[in-house]
Amino acid sequence: MTEQTNYENWQEKVYKPAINKFPERKAEFSTDSGITLKPVIPASEIPADREASLGYPGEYPFTRGVQPTMYRGRFWTMRQYAGYSSAAESNRRYRFLLEQGQTGLSVAFDLPTQIGYDADDPIALGEVGKVGVSISSIEDMETLFTKIPLDKVSTSMTINAPAAVLLAMYIAVAKKQGVPSTALRGTIQNDILKEYIARGTYIFPPSPSMRLITDIFQYCQREVPNWNTISISGYHIREAGSTAVQEVAFTLANAIAYIEAAIKTGMDVDKFASQLSFFFNSHNNFLEEVAKFRAARRLYAKIMKERFGSKVAGSQKLRFHTQTAGSTLTAQQPENNVVRVTLQALAAVLGGTQSLHTNSMDEALWLPTEKSVQVALRTQQIIGYESGVADMIDPLAGSYMVEYLTDEIEKKAVEYLQKIDEMGGALKAIENGYIQGEIQNAAFGAQRRLENREDIVVGVNKFTVDEKIELESLKLDPKIESEQRERLAALRAGRDNVLVEALLERLENAAQGDENTMPIIIECVENKLTLGEICGRLRKVWGEYRAPTFI
């Protein structure tokens, strides 16, 4: 008797009589991506050549992990995304986190910094230091990393449109510490396509934005070889409402666009691809999330080998940072968020992440306190040191359910990639609104299911209580903005402003031509030109992007 026959017999003789007597909770079960879930996955649905599609850790197609030993060698980098108020305040939080056992820094910048404005620009009024740290000059960056040796930590910076300027400041501060750029380790997000899709903190139109990105690729290949030059982000795509399948597909579509842009400049894929990294969300649907990470890793390896002709294993490895899902955190019963974050973090670890941020329980209410950040970090440490899941590589491999979901996510992501290719690539699919539309439809569907109570969020549409939130909140000093303005005024008064103008002219000439912009940007920040001055001169040359309206 075949396995399929056994399965059919079980359905008829055991399963159906049981549900006729005790009906199931739903008429149909599916994942957040709409993948139908049978009551069990029979062995007959798992391909006979499973071993070839799995491989072994550290070997193509890397389904089971990018390192041969994974967490048996060392844990993922435990990185808490942090930054608020002034550089001095954020520096204090960073040193607190390092003392608590964090193994990497992750910098959040305020909104003016993210869109290339100084703290004393009128457009920055009321926003300085609110959702991240305010960085306008090399002096701010130097304060941010006071007493933090940059050759000893790995630093991730969530910055996109002005990524070149913030990276230049980091390189310049390291130089002042006596640390060569070759010793620096870390990541800049530097992913402008997802800003056009989902987040909105863009400055320049697509063409010059892509030019800045490839300038960074070229410069870092030579001068900062241990730096991840981009973190191609599915996180924000998922936060905007996408499904897990869409997160994989649209992230890899953007990756293809960046790789093609670099190749067009004459770069060899096997010389720069090892410096590419990724950033994914970890959501609530536990098994789908584990499978998503495995599917993304396998699909990327195939793209690099088959589409781009990569011959080097390091170029085919999808290395990624994960952050737990901010959009799932609730203001209601915020302590429940500790459980949500734990499940999401565990999914990321079982999925083989290289780096992880765990959200704090109070982030739906306000900037997290030191206490809630400590609990979030301890969540990672308990998973790593106490749960046992890090002691074996890819422990869910071979699970019929996980392998079925891995295959389905990859298959559906490939269908999206084929559609995007037919449109002319990710940039065309963004320009015509296709990607944005798909995300909006998914988000609308999720909201409708929530409102109809087809999907349950504990404490929001079921198991609600009358409550008074009594958690400690983080208070920001209102003097932050005025003090930052005063520091900028002093910086401008004390520098060589004839040299400043000469450097801005050189920057403008470089932007108008085709020379790599990174060396002149580094020279600018070393001579105390501000973020806003540099981005302002580039705005003069390249203009600003205006998002199209789709009706």
Protein backbone atom coordinates (compact mmCIF):
# COMPACT_ATOMS: atom_id res chain seq x y z
CA MET A 1 0.00 0.00 0.00
CA THR A 2 1.43 3.41 -1.00
CA GLU A 3 1.82 6.35 1.32
CA GLN A 4 -0.80 8.26 -0.69
CA THR A 5 -3.26 5.40 -0.26
CA ASN A 6 -2.53 5.31 3.46
CA TYR A 7 -3.22 9.03 3.64
CA GLU A 8 -6.50 8.72 1.74
CA ASN A 9 -7.60 5.83 3.95
CA TRP A 10 -6.80 7.85 7.06
CA GLN A 11 -8.83 10.78 5.73
CA GLU A 12 -11.89 8.63 5.02
CA LYS A 13 -11.83 6.29 7.99
CA VAL A 14 -10.36 8.40 10.80
CA TYR A 15 -10.22 12.11 10.02
CA LYS A 16 -13.62 12.78 8.41
CA PRO A 17 -15.62 10.85 11.03
CA ALA A 18 -13.80 12.83 13.73
CA ILE A 19 -14.60 16.25 12.24
CA ASN A 20 -18.18 15.22 11.58
CA LYS A 21 -18.48 14.58 15.29
CA PHE A 22 -16.31 17.47 16.46
CA PRO A 23 -16.16 20.23 13.75
CA GLU A 24 -12.89 22.09 13.33
CA ARG A 25 -12.45 25.72 14.30
CA LYS A 26 -12.40 26.89 10.67
CA ALA A 27 -13.74 25.66 7.37
CA GLU A 28 -10.27 26.16 5.89
CA PHE A 29 -6.85 26.73 7.42
CA SER A 30 -4.10 28.71 5.69
CA THR A 31 -0.95 30.69 6.47
CA ASP A 32 -0.75 34.48 6.38
CA SER A 33 0.37 34.15 2.75
CA GLY A 34 -2.72 32.14 1.85
CA ILE A 35 -0.94 28.79 1.61
CA THR A 36 -3.55 26.12 2.29
CA LEU A 37 -2.80 23.90 5.26
CA LYS A 38 -3.89 20.29 5.11
CA PRO A 39 -4.49 18.63 8.49
CA VAL A 40 -1.18 16.80 8.03
CA ILE A 41 1.33 16.72 5.18
CA PRO A 42 1.74 13.16 3.88
CA ALA A 43 5.22 11.92 3.07
CA SER A 44 4.12 11.51 -0.57
CA GLU A 45 4.06 15.31 -0.96
CA ILE A 46 7.73 15.65 -0.07
CA PRO A 47 9.85 15.33 -3.27
CA ALA A 48 12.02 12.26 -3.58
CA ASP A 49 15.09 14.42 -4.33
CA ARG A 50 14.70 16.31 -1.05
CA GLU A 51 18.35 15.86 -0.10
CA ALA A 52 19.53 17.79 -3.19
CA SER A 53 17.29 20.75 -2.39
CA LEU A 54 18.40 20.76 1.24
CA GLY A 55 22.13 20.18 1.01
CA TYR A 56 24.19 20.61 4.16
CA PRO A 57 24.96 23.73 6.21
CA GLY A 58 27.56 25.91 4.53
CA GLU A 59 27.00 24.24 1.14
CA TYR A 60 24.89 25.18 -1.87
CA PRO A 61 21.93 25.82 -1.91
CA PHE A 62 22.36 26.83 1.76
CA THR A 63 18.78 25.87 2.72
CA ARG A 64 20.11 24.62 6.04
CA GLY A 65 22.31 27.60 6.81
CA VAL A 66 25.20 29.66 5.46
CA GLN A 67 27.82 28.49 7.97
CA PRO A 68 28.97 24.91 8.45
CA THR A 69 28.63 25.11 12.25
CA MET A 70 25.94 27.82 12.60
CA TYR A 71 25.26 28.49 16.31
CA ARG A 72 27.38 25.54 17.48
CA GLY A 73 30.33 27.80 16.63
CA ARG A 74 28.96 31.09 17.97
CA PHE A 75 25.54 32.62 18.50
CA TRP A 76 23.94 35.08 16.14
CA THR A 77 24.87 38.72 16.78
CA MET A 78 22.52 40.03 19.48
CA ARG A 79 21.81 43.54 18.30
CA GLN A 80 19.27 45.91 19.88
CA TYR A 81 18.14 48.72 17.56
CA ALA A 82 18.53 51.90 19.60
CA GLY A 83 18.92 55.62 19.26
CA TYR A 84 17.05 58.60 20.60
CA SER A 85 17.51 62.17 21.69
CA SER A 86 21.12 63.39 21.48
CA ALA A 87 24.28 61.54 20.53
CA ALA A 88 25.36 61.64 24.19
CA GLU A 89 22.11 60.04 25.41
CA SER A 90 22.26 57.34 22.75
CA ASN A 91 25.89 56.65 23.60
CA ARG A 92 24.85 56.03 27.20
CA ARG A 93 22.18 53.53 26.04
CA TYR A 94 24.70 51.75 23.76
CA ARG A 95 27.19 51.31 26.57
CA PHE A 96 24.40 50.04 28.84
CA LEU A 97 23.42 47.44 26.23
CA LEU A 98 27.03 46.33 25.69
CA GLU A 99 27.39 45.90 29.46
CA GLN A 100 24.25 43.70 29.41
CA GLY A 101 25.82 41.33 26.89
CA GLN A 102 24.74 42.78 23.55
CA THR A 103 27.25 41.83 20.87
CA GLY A 104 26.56 44.45 18.18
CA LEU A 105 25.21 47.98 17.89
CA SER A 106 22.26 49.04 15.75
CA VAL A 107 21.72 52.77 15.26
CA ALA A 108 18.31 54.40 14.84
CA PHE A 109 18.41 57.92 13.39
CA ASP A 110 15.79 60.61 13.79
CA LEU A 111 13.60 61.64 10.87
CA PRO A 112 15.53 64.81 9.86
CA THR A 113 18.75 62.77 9.68
CA GLN A 114 17.01 60.06 7.62
CA ILE A 115 15.98 62.58 4.96
CA GLY A 116 19.19 64.58 4.93
CA TYR A 117 18.41 67.68 7.00
CA ASP A 118 20.39 69.22 9.85
CA ALA A 119 18.81 69.66 13.27
CA ASP A 120 18.66 73.45 12.79
CA ASP A 121 16.83 73.29 9.46
CA PRO A 122 13.26 74.69 9.72
CA ILE A 123 11.89 71.41 8.36
CA ALA A 124 13.38 69.60 11.40
CA LEU A 125 11.41 71.65 13.94
CA GLY A 126 9.78 69.39 16.52
CA GLU A 127 11.35 66.19 15.16
CA VAL A 128 14.91 66.36 16.47
CA GLY A 129 15.78 63.23 18.46
CA LYS A 130 12.20 61.94 18.48
CA VAL A 131 12.39 58.56 16.70
CA GLY A 132 16.14 58.15 16.72
CA VAL A 133 19.37 59.97 17.39
CA SER A 134 20.08 63.33 15.77
CA ILE A 135 23.33 63.28 13.74
CA SER A 136 24.23 66.41 11.79
CA SER A 137 28.03 66.39 11.83
CA ILE A 138 31.15 64.36 12.51
CA GLU A 139 31.15 65.83 16.01
CA ASP A 140 27.78 64.18 16.70
CA MET A 141 29.05 60.88 15.31
CA GLU A 142 32.17 61.11 17.47
CA THR A 143 30.03 61.68 20.57
CA LEU A 144 27.76 58.78 19.60
CA PHE A 145 30.72 56.34 19.75
CA THR A 146 32.63 57.82 22.69
CA LYS A 147 34.41 55.03 24.63
CA ILE A 148 33.24 52.46 22.06
CA PRO A 149 36.25 51.09 20.12
CA LEU A 150 35.10 50.72 16.52
CA ASP A 151 37.50 47.88 15.79
CA LYS A 152 35.85 45.81 18.54
CA VAL A 153 32.13 46.14 17.70
CA SER A 154 29.95 45.48 14.70
CA THR A 155 27.69 48.45 13.94
CA SER A 156 24.53 48.48 11.89
CA MET A 157 23.12 51.83 10.77
CA THR A 158 19.53 52.06 9.58
CA ILE A 159 20.06 54.80 7.05
CA ASN A 160 19.17 54.88 3.37
CA ALA A 161 19.07 58.02 1.23
CA PRO A 162 22.04 59.70 3.02
CA ALA A 163 23.80 56.40 3.76
CA ALA A 164 26.99 57.53 2.02
CA VAL A 165 27.30 60.53 4.33
CA LEU A 166 26.71 58.59 7.56
CA LEU A 167 29.15 55.88 6.46
CA ALA A 168 31.70 58.60 5.68
CA MET A 169 31.26 60.00 9.20
CA TYR A 170 31.73 56.54 10.71
CA ILE A 171 34.93 55.96 8.69
CA ALA A 172 36.22 59.41 9.71
CA VAL A 173 35.50 58.80 13.42
CA ALA A 174 37.26 55.43 13.22
CA LYS A 175 40.28 57.18 11.68
CA LYS A 176 40.32 59.62 14.61
CA GLN A 177 40.29 56.61 16.96
CA GLY A 178 43.26 55.18 15.06
CA VAL A 179 41.17 52.40 13.54
CA PRO A 180 41.79 51.74 9.82
CA SER A 181 38.76 51.31 7.57
CA THR A 182 39.89 47.76 6.80
CA ALA A 183 39.16 46.83 10.44
CA LEU A 184 35.56 48.11 10.46
CA ARG A 185 32.69 45.62 10.59
CA GLY A 186 29.04 46.45 10.21
CA THR A 187 26.24 47.33 7.85
CA ILE A 188 24.48 50.30 6.34
CA GLN A 189 20.93 49.67 5.22
CA ASN A 190 21.42 51.73 2.02
CA ASP A 191 18.30 50.18 0.40
CA ILE A 192 16.54 52.96 -1.48
CA LEU A 193 14.15 50.82 -3.54
CA LYS A 194 12.19 49.72 -0.49
CA GLU A 195 11.90 53.41 0.48
CA TYR A 196 10.05 54.05 -2.79
CA ILE A 197 7.92 50.95 -2.10
CA ALA A 198 7.07 51.07 1.57
CA ARG A 199 8.79 53.57 3.83
CA GLY A 200 9.17 56.97 2.17
CA THR A 201 12.45 58.34 3.54
CA TYR A 202 13.93 58.99 0.10
CA ILE A 203 15.67 62.15 -1.13
CA PHE A 204 16.89 61.78 -4.69
CA PRO A 205 15.32 60.26 -7.81
CA PRO A 206 16.08 56.59 -8.54
CA SER A 207 18.95 57.03 -11.00
CA PRO A 208 21.29 59.14 -8.79
CA SER A 209 20.22 57.11 -5.77
CA MET A 210 21.39 53.94 -7.49
CA ARG A 211 24.60 55.72 -8.47
CA LEU A 212 25.31 56.54 -4.79
CA ILE A 213 24.71 52.88 -3.89
CA THR A 214 27.12 51.55 -6.51
CA ASP A 215 29.68 54.20 -5.48
CA ILE A 216 29.51 52.73 -1.97
CA PHE A 217 29.86 49.19 -3.38
CA GLN A 218 32.99 50.16 -5.32
CA TYR A 219 34.59 52.17 -2.51
CA CYS A 220 34.00 49.56 0.19
CA GLN A 221 35.24 46.72 -2.00
CA ARG A 222 38.61 48.48 -1.98
CA GLU A 223 38.72 50.31 1.35
CA VAL A 224 36.22 48.73 3.79
CA PRO A 225 36.24 45.05 2.79
CA ASN A 226 34.57 43.71 5.96
CA TRP A 227 31.59 46.09 5.71
CA ASN A 228 28.16 45.03 4.45
CA THR A 229 27.48 47.70 1.85
CA ILE A 230 23.72 47.20 1.78
CA SER A 231 21.04 45.51 3.84
CA ILE A 232 18.34 44.70 1.32
CA SER A 233 15.25 44.99 3.41
CA GLY A 234 12.10 42.93 3.46
CA TYR A 235 11.39 44.15 6.97
CA HIS A 236 9.69 47.39 5.97
CA ILE A 237 7.86 45.69 3.10
CA ARG A 238 6.35 43.33 5.68
CA GLU A 239 5.60 46.16 8.11
CA ALA A 240 3.69 47.89 5.29
CA GLY A 241 1.37 44.87 5.14
CA SER A 242 2.90 42.34 2.75
CA THR A 243 2.63 38.60 3.15
CA ALA A 244 5.63 36.37 3.85
CA VAL A 245 5.75 35.33 0.18
CA GLN A 246 5.68 38.97 -0.97
CA GLU A 247 8.41 39.85 1.51
CA VAL A 248 10.71 37.24 -0.04
CA ALA A 249 9.77 38.03 -3.64
CA PHE A 250 9.97 41.82 -3.50
CA THR A 251 13.17 41.80 -1.44
CA LEU A 252 14.90 39.50 -3.93
CA ALA A 253 13.53 41.55 -6.86
CA ASN A 254 15.23 44.61 -5.32
CA ALA A 255 18.42 42.59 -4.80
CA ILE A 256 18.43 41.66 -8.49
CA ALA A 257 18.14 45.35 -9.40
CA TYR A 258 21.10 46.32 -7.20
CA ILE A 259 23.27 43.50 -8.52
CA GLU A 260 22.44 44.40 -12.13
CA ALA A 261 23.27 48.07 -11.42
CA ALA A 262 26.66 47.10 -9.97
CA ILE A 263 27.47 44.81 -12.89
CA LYS A 264 26.65 47.66 -15.31
CA THR A 265 29.37 49.75 -13.68
CA GLY A 266 31.87 47.01 -14.54
CA MET A 267 32.02 45.28 -11.15
CA ASP A 268 32.54 41.52 -11.02
CA VAL A 269 29.67 39.83 -9.16
CA ASP A 270 32.04 37.58 -7.26
CA LYS A 271 34.06 40.59 -6.09
CA PHE A 272 31.18 42.51 -4.47
CA ALA A 273 28.34 40.08 -3.71
CA SER A 274 29.88 38.82 -0.47
CA GLN A 275 29.35 42.34 0.96
CA LEU A 276 25.59 42.26 0.32
CA SER A 277 23.33 41.45 3.25
CA PHE A 278 19.60 41.24 3.92
CA PHE A 279 17.12 42.30 6.58
CA PHE A 280 13.94 40.33 7.23
CA ASN A 281 10.92 40.55 9.49
CA SER A 282 9.92 37.73 11.82
CA HIS A 283 6.15 37.63 12.18
CA ASN A 284 3.69 35.61 14.27
CA ASN A 285 2.92 32.64 12.00
CA PHE A 286 5.72 30.58 13.49
CA LEU A 287 6.22 27.72 11.03
CA GLU A 288 5.65 29.91 7.97
CA GLU A 289 8.34 32.28 9.22
CA VAL A 290 10.87 29.47 9.75
CA ALA A 291 10.13 28.21 6.24
CA LYS A 292 10.34 31.73 4.80
CA PHE A 293 13.94 32.18 5.88
CA ARG A 294 14.93 28.78 4.48
CA ALA A 295 13.13 29.46 1.17
CA ALA A 296 14.72 32.89 0.78
CA ARG A 297 18.19 31.46 1.36
CA ARG A 298 17.71 28.69 -1.20
CA LEU A 299 16.12 30.92 -3.83
CA TYR A 300 18.85 33.57 -3.52
CA ALA A 301 21.56 30.94 -3.98
CA LYS A 302 19.87 29.76 -7.18
CA ILE A 303 19.51 33.34 -8.47
CA MET A 304 23.19 34.10 -7.85
CA LYS A 305 24.41 30.88 -9.44
CA GLU A 306 21.98 30.49 -12.35
CA ARG A 307 21.11 34.10 -13.21
CA PHE A 308 24.34 35.92 -12.44
CA GLY A 309 26.83 33.11 -12.99
CA SER A 310 28.42 33.37 -9.57
CA LYS A 311 31.12 30.78 -9.07
CA VAL A 312 32.06 31.64 -5.48
CA ALA A 313 30.11 30.20 -2.55
CA GLY A 314 30.45 33.44 -0.57
CA SER A 315 28.53 35.30 -3.27
CA GLN A 316 25.65 32.82 -3.11
CA LYS A 317 25.05 33.02 0.63
CA LEU A 318 22.06 35.02 1.81
CA ARG A 319 23.23 36.46 5.12
CA PHE A 320 20.53 38.31 7.01
CA HIS A 321 19.60 40.31 10.08
CA THR A 322 16.15 39.80 11.55
CA GLN A 323 13.95 42.08 13.60
CA THR A 324 10.80 40.93 15.33
CA ALA A 325 7.58 42.41 13.92
CA GLY A 326 6.84 45.89 15.22
CA SER A 327 3.46 45.89 13.49
CA THR A 328 2.29 42.96 15.67
CA LEU A 329 2.93 44.77 18.95
CA THR A 330 -0.19 45.98 20.72
CA ALA A 331 -0.78 48.94 23.01
CA GLN A 332 -3.41 46.80 24.70
CA GLN A 333 -2.05 44.42 27.37
CA PRO A 334 1.54 45.31 26.37
CA GLU A 335 3.05 42.57 28.54
CA ASN A 336 1.65 40.09 26.00
CA ASN A 337 4.18 41.48 23.54
CA VAL A 338 6.95 39.64 25.42
CA VAL A 339 5.34 36.36 24.30
CA ARG A 340 4.89 37.55 20.70
CA VAL A 341 8.52 38.66 20.51
CA THR A 342 9.73 35.37 21.98
CA LEU A 343 7.90 33.35 19.32
CA GLN A 344 9.17 35.62 16.56
CA ALA A 345 12.76 35.51 17.84
CA LEU A 346 12.63 31.72 18.10
CA ALA A 347 11.40 31.50 14.49
CA ALA A 348 14.33 33.66 13.37
CA VAL A 349 16.82 31.45 15.20
CA LEU A 350 15.28 28.23 13.86
CA GLY A 351 15.35 29.87 10.42
CA GLY A 352 19.10 30.51 10.68
CA THR A 353 19.48 34.28 11.13
CA GLN A 354 22.97 35.83 11.47
CA SER A 355 21.83 38.75 13.61
CA LEU A 356 18.72 39.56 15.62
CA HIS A 357 16.90 42.49 17.21
CA THR A 358 14.06 41.77 19.63
CA ASN A 359 11.46 44.50 20.06
CA SER A 360 10.56 45.76 23.51
CA MET A 361 7.13 45.21 25.03
CA ASP A 362 6.32 48.94 25.25
CA GLU A 363 7.22 50.03 21.71
CA ALA A 364 3.57 50.38 20.67
CA LEU A 365 3.28 53.05 23.37
CA TRP A 366 6.54 55.00 23.41
CA LEU A 367 10.31 54.74 23.05
CA PRO A 368 11.42 51.70 25.08
CA THR A 369 12.83 52.09 28.56
CA GLU A 370 16.08 50.49 29.71
CA LYS A 371 14.08 47.88 31.64
CA SER A 372 12.00 46.80 28.63
CA VAL A 373 15.09 46.77 26.39
CA GLN A 374 16.85 44.56 28.91
CA VAL A 375 13.92 42.10 28.89
CA ALA A 376 14.04 42.05 25.07
CA LEU A 377 17.78 41.31 25.09
CA ARG A 378 17.36 38.66 27.79
CA THR A 379 14.79 36.98 25.50
CA GLN A 380 17.54 36.37 22.94
CA GLN A 381 19.98 35.23 25.59
CA ILE A 382 17.51 32.73 27.07
CA ILE A 383 16.82 31.29 23.60
CA GLY A 384 20.55 31.00 22.97
CA TYR A 385 21.78 29.72 26.30
CA GLU A 386 18.80 27.86 27.81
CA SER A 387 16.46 26.50 25.12
CA GLY A 388 18.82 24.05 23.40
CA VAL A 389 17.64 25.05 19.91
CA ALA A 390 21.08 26.45 19.04
CA ASP A 391 22.82 23.15 19.72
CA MET A 392 21.82 21.53 16.42
CA ILE A 393 21.85 23.07 12.96
CA ASP A 394 18.48 23.53 11.22
CA PRO A 395 16.62 21.36 13.77
CA LEU A 396 13.28 21.50 11.93
CA ALA A 397 14.70 20.12 8.66
CA GLY A 398 12.76 17.10 7.49
CA SER A 399 9.53 18.20 9.12
CA TYR A 400 6.90 17.52 6.46
CA MET A 401 5.16 20.78 7.32
CA VAL A 402 8.29 22.93 7.27
CA GLU A 403 9.59 21.41 4.03
CA TYR A 404 6.16 21.78 2.38
CA LEU A 405 5.97 25.45 3.39
CA THR A 406 9.58 26.07 2.29
CA ASP A 407 8.77 24.67 -1.17
CA GLU A 408 5.48 26.59 -1.45
CA ILE A 409 6.99 29.93 -0.44
CA GLU A 410 9.83 29.50 -2.92
CA LYS A 411 7.43 28.52 -5.72
CA LYS A 412 5.09 31.47 -5.11
CA ALA A 413 8.01 33.91 -4.79
CA VAL A 414 9.36 32.71 -8.14
CA GLU A 415 5.96 33.45 -9.72
CA TYR A 416 6.20 37.04 -8.46
CA LEU A 417 9.78 37.38 -9.73
CA GLN A 418 8.72 36.19 -13.17
CA LYS A 419 5.95 38.84 -13.28
CA ILE A 420 8.40 41.55 -12.22
CA ASP A 421 10.91 40.42 -14.86
CA GLU A 422 8.19 40.68 -17.51
CA MET A 423 7.57 44.29 -16.42
CA GLY A 424 11.25 45.13 -16.86
CA GLY A 425 12.52 44.65 -13.31
CA ALA A 426 11.92 46.00 -9.81
CA LEU A 427 12.30 49.67 -10.67
CA LYS A 428 9.68 49.44 -13.43
CA ALA A 429 7.37 47.47 -11.12
CA ILE A 430 7.76 50.24 -8.52
CA GLU A 431 7.22 53.03 -11.06
CA ASN A 432 3.99 51.49 -12.31
CA GLY A 433 2.75 50.85 -8.76
CA TYR A 434 2.55 47.07 -9.10
CA ILE A 435 4.55 46.19 -5.98
CA GLN A 436 2.88 48.89 -3.88
CA GLY A 437 -0.54 47.70 -5.05
CA GLU A 438 0.15 44.09 -4.13
CA ILE A 439 1.24 45.12 -0.63
CA GLN A 440 -1.78 47.39 -0.19
CA ASN A 441 -4.15 44.59 -1.21
CA ALA A 442 -2.50 42.21 1.26
CA ALA A 443 -2.69 44.79 4.05
CA PHE A 444 -6.36 45.49 3.31
CA GLY A 445 -7.15 41.78 3.42
CA ALA A 446 -5.37 41.37 6.76
CA GLN A 447 -7.23 44.34 8.25
CA ARG A 448 -10.57 43.01 7.03
CA ARG A 449 -9.89 39.58 8.56
CA LEU A 450 -9.02 41.29 11.84
CA GLU A 451 -12.18 43.37 11.85
CA ASN A 452 -14.31 40.33 10.96
CA ARG A 453 -12.56 38.35 13.71
CA GLU A 454 -11.44 35.74 11.21
CA ASP A 455 -7.97 36.39 12.63
CA ILE A 456 -7.63 36.85 16.37
CA VAL A 457 -5.19 39.21 18.07
CA VAL A 458 -5.27 38.54 21.79
CA GLY A 459 -6.25 41.64 23.73
CA VAL A 460 -7.37 43.53 20.62
CA ASN A 461 -10.37 41.74 19.11
CA LYS A 462 -10.72 38.97 21.70
CA PHE A 463 -9.85 38.54 25.38
CA THR A 464 -9.99 42.29 25.92
CA VAL A 465 -9.93 43.89 29.36
CA ASP A 466 -10.39 47.35 30.82
CA GLU A 467 -6.92 48.40 31.83
CA LYS A 468 -4.79 51.28 32.91
CA ILE A 469 -1.27 51.12 31.49
CA GLU A 470 1.16 51.50 34.37
CA LEU A 471 4.46 50.77 32.63
CA GLU A 472 7.32 53.20 33.07
CA SER A 473 7.73 55.45 30.01
CA LEU A 474 10.84 57.08 28.58
CA LYS A 475 10.80 60.89 28.80
CA LEU A 476 12.77 62.98 26.30
CA ASP A 477 14.31 66.25 27.44
CA PRO A 478 12.71 69.09 25.41
CA LYS A 479 16.05 70.96 25.49
CA ILE A 480 17.57 68.42 23.09
CA GLU A 481 16.59 70.38 19.99
CA SER A 482 17.83 73.79 21.18
CA GLU A 483 21.10 72.31 22.42
CA GLN A 484 21.66 70.56 19.09
CA ARG A 485 21.07 73.88 17.28
CA GLU A 486 23.60 75.58 19.53
CA ARG A 487 26.21 72.90 18.82
CA LEU A 488 25.70 73.33 15.08
CA ALA A 489 26.05 77.11 15.33
CA ALA A 490 29.33 76.69 17.21
CA LEU A 491 30.61 74.16 14.67
CA ARG A 492 29.88 76.48 11.74
CA ALA A 493 31.48 79.45 13.49
CA GLY A 494 34.66 77.53 14.29
CA ARG A 495 35.48 75.94 10.95
CA ASP A 496 37.20 77.17 7.78
CA ASN A 497 34.18 78.27 5.75
CA VAL A 498 36.26 79.14 2.68
CA LEU A 499 37.35 75.51 2.61
CA VAL A 500 33.71 74.46 3.16
CA GLU A 501 32.60 76.24 0.01
CA ALA A 502 35.49 74.85 -2.00
CA LEU A 503 34.62 71.31 -0.90
CA LEU A 504 30.95 71.81 -1.80
CA GLU A 505 32.04 72.91 -5.29
CA ARG A 506 34.16 69.78 -5.64
CA LEU A 507 31.24 67.65 -4.44
CA GLU A 508 28.95 69.28 -7.00
CA ASN A 509 31.45 68.60 -9.79
CA ALA A 510 31.80 64.97 -8.71
CA ALA A 511 28.00 64.55 -8.66
CA GLN A 512 27.72 66.03 -12.14
CA GLY A 513 30.43 63.71 -13.46
CA ASP A 514 31.06 60.02 -13.03
CA GLU A 515 33.83 59.86 -10.43
CA ASN A 516 33.17 57.94 -7.21
CA THR A 517 31.59 60.33 -4.71
CA MET A 518 32.72 58.56 -1.51
CA PRO A 519 36.25 60.05 -1.22
CA ILE A 520 35.02 63.64 -1.52
CA ILE A 521 32.13 62.98 0.91
CA ILE A 522 34.63 61.62 3.45
CA GLU A 523 36.81 64.70 2.96
CA CYS A 524 33.74 66.91 3.45
CA VAL A 525 32.74 65.36 6.78
CA GLU A 526 36.33 65.38 8.05
CA ASN A 527 36.32 69.15 7.50
CA LYS A 528 33.06 69.55 9.44
CA LEU A 529 30.62 69.93 6.61
CA THR A 530 27.20 68.89 7.86
CA LEU A 531 24.82 66.22 6.65
CA GLY A 532 22.35 68.87 5.50
CA GLU A 533 24.98 70.84 3.58
CA ILE A 534 26.18 67.76 1.71
CA CYS A 535 22.68 66.49 0.92
CA GLY A 536 21.59 70.02 0.02
CA ARG A 537 24.32 70.35 -2.60
CA LEU A 538 23.41 66.93 -4.02
CA ARG A 539 19.75 68.02 -4.12
CA LYS A 540 20.86 71.00 -6.18
CA VAL A 541 22.48 68.67 -8.74
CA TRP A 542 20.05 65.75 -8.77
CA GLY A 543 16.75 67.17 -7.58
CA GLU A 544 14.28 65.44 -5.27
CA TYR A 545 12.02 62.46 -5.86
CA ARG A 546 8.27 63.00 -5.88
CA ALA A 547 6.20 59.84 -5.48
CA PRO A 548 3.66 59.30 -8.28
CA THR A 549 -0.03 59.05 -7.47
CA PHE A 550 -1.73 55.82 -8.49
CA ILE A 551 -5.51 55.89 -8.90
